[in-house]
């Protein structure tokens, strides 16, 4: 459904440090920086991009917006959360764990990246 997701950041170095650690915890690789200074993470045909805003205004996060990354296990989510905290992320909402509601059971972990973007991991459980 999605070709890519892009978030803004004023401090690209801080964002890269955070997302490199988070994506390595998910089995990915460090991001690559293109000639325009954007950091790109590519896995399984999906692209996640971090960039300074093109219009020159400061980056800001979407109020009410969340970007979710699929994980294969609760342990992977815990590793992602720990890596993010150790690299400039901020813990938000409840601690990582199982949530139930609307007939679904999921393992969720939430962070804000250094620019304030809300990101999470999610694993749907049986």
Protein backbone atom coordinates (compact mmCIF):
# COMPACT_ATOMS: atom_id res chain seq x y z
CA UNK A 1 0.00 0.00 0.00
CA UNK A 2 2.81 2.45 0.81
CA UNK A 3 5.76 3.29 -1.39
CA UNK A 4 7.56 5.30 1.26
CA UNK A 5 7.22 7.30 4.47
CA UNK A 6 9.11 10.54 5.02
CA UNK A 7 9.60 12.51 8.24
CA UNK A 8 11.24 15.86 8.81
CA UNK A 9 14.15 16.59 11.11
CA UNK A 10 16.25 19.70 11.63
CA UNK A 11 19.20 17.74 13.05
CA UNK A 12 19.85 15.03 10.48
CA UNK A 13 22.86 13.66 12.39
CA UNK A 14 20.76 13.10 15.55
CA UNK A 15 17.97 11.55 13.48
CA UNK A 16 20.40 9.23 11.69
CA UNK A 17 21.94 8.09 14.97
CA UNK A 18 18.46 7.31 16.36
CA UNK A 19 17.10 5.54 13.27
CA UNK A 20 20.34 3.65 12.53
CA UNK A 21 20.16 2.11 16.02
CA UNK A 22 16.44 1.39 15.74
CA UNK A 23 16.62 -0.21 12.30
CA UNK A 24 19.69 -2.29 13.20
CA UNK A 25 17.66 -3.62 16.17
CA UNK A 26 15.00 -4.67 13.61
CA UNK A 27 17.54 -6.53 11.49
CA UNK A 28 18.10 -3.71 9.01
CA UNK A 29 21.13 -1.62 8.14
CA UNK A 30 22.33 1.91 8.74
CA UNK A 31 20.72 4.51 6.53
CA UNK A 32 22.46 5.91 3.49
CA UNK A 33 22.67 9.64 2.88
CA UNK A 34 21.83 10.81 -0.64
CA UNK A 35 23.33 13.89 -2.35
CA UNK A 36 20.47 16.05 -1.01
CA UNK A 37 21.32 15.10 2.60
CA UNK A 38 18.29 12.82 3.09
CA UNK A 39 18.77 9.61 5.07
CA UNK A 40 17.17 6.55 3.49
CA UNK A 41 16.37 3.14 4.92
CA UNK A 42 15.26 0.47 2.45
CA UNK A 43 13.97 -2.97 3.38
CA UNK A 44 11.63 -5.43 1.67
CA UNK A 45 10.67 -2.87 -0.97
CA UNK A 46 9.72 -0.17 1.56
CA UNK A 47 11.55 3.12 2.00
CA UNK A 48 11.73 5.29 5.13
CA UNK A 49 13.27 8.73 4.61
CA UNK A 50 14.41 11.45 7.01
CA UNK A 51 14.94 14.92 5.55
CA UNK A 52 15.15 18.59 6.37
CA UNK A 53 11.92 20.25 5.23
CA UNK A 54 12.15 21.39 1.61
CA UNK A 55 10.38 24.68 2.34
CA UNK A 56 13.13 25.77 4.75
CA UNK A 57 10.79 25.98 7.76
CA UNK A 58 11.58 24.06 10.95
CA UNK A 59 10.60 20.40 11.07
CA UNK A 60 7.63 19.49 13.23
CA UNK A 61 5.86 16.26 14.07
CA UNK A 62 2.31 15.40 13.11
CA UNK A 63 -0.01 15.86 16.07
CA UNK A 64 -1.97 12.61 16.18
CA UNK A 65 0.29 10.92 13.64
CA UNK A 66 2.18 7.68 14.32
CA UNK A 67 4.46 5.63 12.10
CA UNK A 68 4.43 1.94 12.95
CA UNK A 69 7.12 -0.58 12.11
CA UNK A 70 6.22 -4.28 11.98
CA UNK A 71 8.23 -6.62 14.19
CA UNK A 72 8.46 -10.41 14.33
CA UNK A 73 8.61 -10.81 18.09
CA UNK A 74 8.18 -8.99 21.39
CA UNK A 75 11.95 -9.37 21.88
CA UNK A 76 12.59 -7.48 18.63
CA UNK A 77 10.25 -4.70 19.81
CA UNK A 78 12.07 -4.51 23.16
CA UNK A 79 15.44 -4.31 21.39
CA UNK A 80 14.10 -1.55 19.11
CA UNK A 81 12.77 0.40 22.10
CA UNK A 82 16.04 0.07 24.03
CA UNK A 83 18.11 1.08 20.99
CA UNK A 84 15.93 4.12 20.43
CA UNK A 85 16.15 5.24 24.06
CA UNK A 86 19.92 4.85 24.02
CA UNK A 87 20.20 6.99 20.89
CA UNK A 88 18.15 10.10 21.58
CA UNK A 89 14.58 8.77 21.66
CA UNK A 90 12.03 9.48 24.38
CA UNK A 91 9.70 6.86 25.88
CA UNK A 92 6.03 7.75 25.55
CA UNK A 93 2.68 6.16 26.36
CA UNK A 94 2.69 2.86 28.27
CA UNK A 95 5.86 0.76 28.50
CA UNK A 96 6.34 -1.77 25.70
CA UNK A 97 3.96 -4.68 26.05
CA UNK A 98 0.76 -6.40 25.07
CA UNK A 99 -2.39 -4.34 24.54
CA UNK A 100 -5.87 -5.63 23.84
CA UNK A 101 -8.81 -3.80 22.37
CA UNK A 102 -11.30 -3.91 19.56
CA UNK A 103 -10.96 -7.67 19.38
CA UNK A 104 -7.22 -7.44 18.71
CA UNK A 105 -4.19 -8.38 20.77
CA UNK A 106 -0.93 -6.62 19.89
CA UNK A 107 2.52 -6.04 21.27
CA UNK A 108 3.31 -2.32 21.02
CA UNK A 109 6.28 -0.10 21.88
CA UNK A 110 6.25 3.70 21.42
CA UNK A 111 8.97 6.36 21.17
CA UNK A 112 9.42 9.91 19.97
CA UNK A 113 12.46 10.40 17.77
CA UNK A 114 14.81 13.35 18.40
CA UNK A 115 12.63 15.59 16.18
CA UNK A 116 9.44 14.65 18.05
CA UNK A 117 7.98 12.24 15.49
CA UNK A 118 5.92 9.48 17.12
CA UNK A 119 7.07 6.01 16.05
CA UNK A 120 6.19 2.55 17.29
CA UNK A 121 6.62 -1.13 16.70
CA UNK A 122 3.67 -3.46 16.42
CA UNK A 123 3.22 -7.20 16.32
CA UNK A 124 -0.27 -8.61 15.91
CA UNK A 125 -0.75 -11.60 18.15
CA UNK A 126 -3.10 -14.56 17.72
